[in-house]
Amino acid sequence: MTAYDPCRAPVPRSGEEACEKTREKARKKARRKRIVTGHRIYSAPVTNQPLEGTVVRLVRLTPDHAEALFPSASDPEVWRWMPRARPETVDQLREWLGEMTADPTRRCFAVQRRDDGTVIGSTSMYDLDLAESRTEIGATWFDRSCWGGPYNVESKLLLFTHAFEDLRLARLALRTDNLNVRSQQALTRLGLVHEGTLRSHMRRPDGSRRDSLYYSLLADEWPTVRETLRARITAKTTPLLA
């Protein structure tokens, strides 16, 4: 016996319109649900609009950024703590950027300096799982000439804002090499919480095994960290404007 569907029964036109709206909402919800790389995520609209700050903007990363990013990505000191081998050619970097940007669980950005449009680095959200309301931040590097300035801090502000205020995530995490003390200190200063260490978690490009330290930030902690980031940007931007 076919189940009774009140939306198929004769009803006044206003009722038909209401039922059609209900069906359309269900269709939209079904379209948004999908299976990706063995685990469930819910897709969210991907915008091509840049994330605008005062000193940087984050624009959607494409393989075409390879040439602009290669000088920083090929710098051994910049790439020192990255978990994959340093690209030796622009084509190698372009291939890697293509792999990253093709991954539906990633949101990848090129970082542009606002005053001249120069691409100075890259950063990404990955393992984005909207069903579980979480993501990780990584694949981040900046040209050495930008170290110590406001660029990385404001990139974090823009990406965290996107995660918590646009995507309404409950949590984000970052991980770092156990030998990268500089990164660990920076994450602690920003107010992220050290959750623990995954021992012998990954293989470094030189073949050695690394421990990964995990840091996280929750939605209810975000307002305090947001103010910390804004204060650090102001402090780092003031010398640039002097």
Protein backbone atom coordinates (compact mmCIF):
# COMPACT_ATOMS: atom_id res chain seq x y z
CA MET A 1 0.00 0.00 0.00
CA THR A 2 1.31 3.42 -0.92
CA ALA A 3 1.88 5.63 2.10
CA TYR A 4 -0.49 8.57 2.38
CA ASP A 5 1.10 11.83 1.32
CA PRO A 6 -0.95 14.83 2.41
CA CYS A 7 0.88 16.91 -0.14
CA ARG A 8 -0.60 14.78 -2.94
CA ALA A 9 -4.16 15.03 -1.69
CA PRO A 10 -6.43 17.69 -3.21
CA VAL A 11 -5.88 20.86 -1.21
CA PRO A 12 -6.41 24.55 -1.75
CA ARG A 13 -3.74 26.20 -3.88
CA SER A 14 -2.18 27.81 -0.83
CA GLY A 15 -1.71 24.31 0.62
CA GLU A 16 -0.19 23.05 -2.63
CA GLU A 17 2.30 25.90 -2.59
CA ALA A 18 3.20 25.13 1.02
CA CYS A 19 3.76 21.45 0.20
CA GLU A 20 5.89 22.32 -2.80
CA LYS A 21 8.01 24.60 -0.66
CA THR A 22 8.43 21.74 1.83
CA ARG A 23 9.49 19.36 -0.95
CA GLU A 24 11.93 21.92 -2.35
CA LYS A 25 13.54 22.37 1.06
CA ALA A 26 13.93 18.60 1.32
CA ARG A 27 15.47 18.43 -2.16
CA LYS A 28 17.95 21.17 -1.31
CA LYS A 29 18.90 19.43 1.92
CA ALA A 30 19.42 16.15 0.06
CA ARG A 31 21.62 17.85 -2.53
CA ARG A 32 23.83 19.26 0.22
CA LYS A 33 24.43 15.87 1.81
CA ARG A 34 27.15 13.76 0.20
CA ILE A 35 29.81 11.16 0.88
CA VAL A 36 33.46 12.23 0.44
CA THR A 37 36.70 10.23 0.95
CA GLY A 38 35.06 7.67 3.15
CA HIS A 39 33.50 9.97 5.71
CA ARG A 40 30.40 12.10 5.78
CA ILE A 41 30.54 15.82 5.25
CA TYR A 42 27.94 18.41 4.40
CA SER A 43 28.90 20.74 1.62
CA ALA A 44 28.74 24.47 2.09
CA PRO A 45 28.65 27.15 -0.57
CA VAL A 46 32.18 27.92 -1.79
CA THR A 47 32.55 31.58 -2.51
CA ASN A 48 35.12 33.13 -4.79
CA GLN A 49 34.93 36.33 -2.78
CA PRO A 50 38.25 37.14 -1.07
CA LEU A 51 38.56 37.41 2.69
CA GLU A 52 39.61 41.03 3.16
CA GLY A 53 41.82 42.32 5.96
CA THR A 54 43.72 45.55 6.49
CA VAL A 55 47.13 44.33 5.29
CA VAL A 56 46.29 41.07 3.49
CA ARG A 57 43.50 39.47 1.54
CA LEU A 58 42.96 35.74 1.15
CA VAL A 59 41.98 34.76 -2.37
CA ARG A 60 41.01 31.34 -3.67
CA LEU A 61 44.16 29.35 -4.41
CA THR A 62 44.65 27.88 -7.89
CA PRO A 63 47.55 26.08 -9.60
CA ASP A 64 48.16 29.34 -11.46
CA HIS A 65 49.62 30.75 -8.22
CA ALA A 66 52.56 28.34 -8.46
CA GLU A 67 54.93 30.77 -10.13
CA ALA A 68 54.26 33.53 -7.59
CA LEU A 69 54.57 31.11 -4.64
CA PHE A 70 57.66 29.26 -5.84
CA PRO A 71 60.28 31.70 -4.47
CA SER A 72 58.97 31.20 -0.93
CA ALA A 73 58.11 27.51 -1.30
CA SER A 74 61.61 26.74 -2.62
CA ASP A 75 63.32 28.51 0.30
CA PRO A 76 64.75 25.78 2.59
CA GLU A 77 64.24 27.89 5.71
CA VAL A 78 60.61 28.67 4.86
CA TRP A 79 59.91 25.00 4.08
CA ARG A 80 61.82 23.63 7.05
CA TRP A 81 58.81 22.37 9.03
CA MET A 82 56.52 21.43 6.18
CA PRO A 83 55.60 17.71 6.22
CA ARG A 84 56.23 17.14 2.53
CA ALA A 85 59.29 17.50 0.33
CA ARG A 86 60.18 21.01 -0.82
CA PRO A 87 59.23 21.57 -4.48
CA GLU A 88 62.24 21.78 -6.76
CA THR A 89 60.44 23.27 -9.76
CA VAL A 90 57.43 25.44 -10.48
CA ASP A 91 55.80 22.46 -12.17
CA GLN A 92 56.15 20.34 -9.03
CA LEU A 93 54.54 23.09 -6.97
CA ARG A 94 51.77 23.52 -9.55
CA GLU A 95 51.02 19.79 -9.39
CA TRP A 96 50.78 19.90 -5.59
CA LEU A 97 48.53 22.96 -5.64
CA GLY A 98 46.32 21.14 -8.12
CA GLU A 99 46.02 18.17 -5.76
CA MET A 100 45.14 20.40 -2.82
CA THR A 101 42.57 22.50 -4.62
CA ALA A 102 40.88 19.40 -6.06
CA ASP A 103 40.23 18.03 -2.57
CA PRO A 104 36.59 18.84 -1.61
CA THR A 105 37.46 18.79 2.11
CA ARG A 106 39.88 21.70 1.67
CA ARG A 107 39.50 25.46 1.37
CA CYS A 108 42.82 26.76 0.04
CA PHE A 109 43.91 30.38 -0.13
CA ALA A 110 46.73 32.44 -1.55
CA VAL A 111 47.73 35.35 0.68
CA GLN A 112 48.07 38.70 -1.08
CA ARG A 113 49.62 41.80 0.41
CA ARG A 114 46.97 44.46 0.00
CA ASP A 115 49.17 47.46 -0.73
CA ASP A 116 50.72 45.97 -3.89
CA GLY A 117 48.87 42.71 -4.60
CA THR A 118 51.99 40.57 -4.18
CA VAL A 119 51.34 36.92 -3.30
CA ILE A 120 53.37 36.37 -0.12
CA GLY A 121 52.18 32.95 1.05
CA SER A 122 49.41 30.41 1.34
CA THR A 123 47.17 28.88 4.00
CA SER A 124 44.39 26.30 4.01
CA MET A 125 41.54 24.70 5.87
CA TYR A 126 41.58 20.92 5.48
CA ASP A 127 39.68 17.89 6.80
CA LEU A 128 36.67 20.20 6.72
CA ASP A 129 33.72 18.26 8.13
CA LEU A 130 30.59 20.37 8.44
CA ALA A 131 28.54 17.45 9.74
CA GLU A 132 30.85 17.29 12.77
CA SER A 133 31.42 21.08 12.67
CA ARG A 134 35.21 21.01 12.63
CA THR A 135 38.29 21.66 10.50
CA GLU A 136 42.06 21.89 10.69
CA ILE A 137 44.29 24.74 9.57
CA GLY A 138 47.60 24.07 7.86
CA ALA A 139 49.72 24.08 4.69
CA THR A 140 50.69 27.58 5.77
CA TRP A 141 53.86 29.35 4.72
CA PHE A 142 55.02 32.92 4.11
CA ASP A 143 57.90 34.52 2.28
CA ARG A 144 60.74 35.05 4.73
CA SER A 145 60.64 38.82 4.13
CA CYS A 146 57.19 38.85 5.77
CA TRP A 147 58.17 37.02 8.95
CA GLY A 148 57.56 39.02 12.11
CA GLY A 149 55.01 41.32 10.44
CA PRO A 150 51.23 41.36 10.73
CA TYR A 151 50.63 39.14 7.69
CA ASN A 152 50.46 35.70 9.29
CA VAL A 153 48.49 36.99 12.28
CA GLU A 154 45.88 38.69 10.11
CA SER A 155 45.64 35.60 7.90
CA LYS A 156 44.79 33.62 11.03
CA LEU A 157 42.19 36.22 11.99
CA LEU A 158 40.53 36.03 8.56
CA LEU A 159 40.59 32.23 8.41
CA PHE A 160 39.34 31.77 11.98
CA THR A 161 36.58 34.32 11.35
CA HIS A 162 35.55 32.40 8.22
CA ALA A 163 35.48 29.15 10.20
CA PHE A 164 33.51 30.37 13.21
CA GLU A 165 31.35 33.18 11.82
CA ASP A 166 30.70 32.12 8.21
CA LEU A 167 30.74 28.33 8.47
CA ARG A 168 29.58 28.29 12.12
CA LEU A 169 32.05 25.59 13.09
CA ALA A 170 32.35 24.38 16.67
CA ARG A 171 36.06 23.69 16.56
CA LEU A 172 39.28 24.11 14.64
CA ALA A 173 42.69 22.59 15.22
CA LEU A 174 46.30 23.11 14.18
CA ARG A 175 49.19 20.69 14.48
CA THR A 176 52.91 21.28 14.49
CA ASP A 177 56.18 19.38 14.55
CA ASN A 178 57.43 18.64 18.05
CA LEU A 179 60.75 20.29 17.14
CA ASN A 180 59.10 23.51 15.92
CA VAL A 181 59.23 25.37 19.22
CA ARG A 182 58.64 28.74 17.54
CA SER A 183 55.27 27.59 16.21
CA GLN A 184 54.28 26.05 19.53
CA GLN A 185 55.02 29.31 21.36
CA ALA A 186 53.08 31.34 18.78
CA LEU A 187 49.99 29.12 19.08
CA THR A 188 50.10 29.34 22.87
CA ARG A 189 50.37 33.14 22.75
CA LEU A 190 47.25 33.27 20.58
CA GLY A 191 45.30 31.38 23.23
CA LEU A 192 44.94 28.00 21.56
CA VAL A 193 44.87 24.97 23.86
CA HIS A 194 47.48 22.22 23.61
CA GLU A 195 45.41 19.03 23.53
CA GLY A 196 48.16 16.46 23.36
CA THR A 197 50.81 14.80 21.23
CA LEU A 198 50.48 12.12 18.56
CA ARG A 199 53.71 10.18 18.88
CA SER A 200 55.57 9.13 15.73
CA HIS A 201 52.67 10.61 13.80
CA MET A 202 54.24 11.47 10.46
CA ARG A 203 57.34 10.94 8.39
CA ARG A 204 59.44 14.03 7.73
CA PRO A 205 60.86 14.57 4.21
CA ASP A 206 64.27 13.41 5.50
CA GLY A 207 62.76 10.08 6.58
CA SER A 208 62.79 10.71 10.33
CA ARG A 209 59.60 10.30 12.36
CA ARG A 210 57.97 13.31 13.97
CA ASP A 211 55.58 13.74 16.86
CA SER A 212 52.68 16.10 16.14
CA LEU A 213 51.49 18.50 18.82
CA TYR A 214 47.79 19.34 18.50
CA TYR A 215 46.30 22.72 19.42
CA SER A 216 42.63 23.61 19.23
CA LEU A 217 40.19 26.49 19.49
CA LEU A 218 36.48 26.18 20.27
CA ALA A 219 33.65 28.47 19.24
CA ASP A 220 33.04 29.77 22.76
CA GLU A 221 36.76 30.63 23.08
CA TRP A 222 36.83 32.46 19.76
CA PRO A 223 35.72 35.96 20.96
CA THR A 224 38.67 36.18 23.38
CA VAL A 225 41.17 34.91 20.80
CA ARG A 226 39.70 37.27 18.18
CA GLU A 227 40.51 40.28 20.39
CA THR A 228 44.01 38.94 21.00
CA LEU A 229 44.58 38.64 17.26
CA ARG A 230 43.26 42.14 16.61
CA ALA A 231 45.55 43.60 19.27
CA ARG A 232 48.57 41.80 17.82
CA ILE A 233 47.73 43.04 14.31
CA THR A 234 47.50 46.62 15.55
CA ALA A 235 50.82 46.32 17.33
CA LYS A 236 52.54 44.83 14.29
CA THR A 237 50.91 47.21 11.78
CA THR A 238 51.79 50.46 13.56
CA PRO A 239 55.53 50.33 12.61
CA LEU A 240 54.54 49.78 8.96
CA LEU A 241 52.47 52.97 8.99
CA ALA A 242 55.05 55.09 10.81
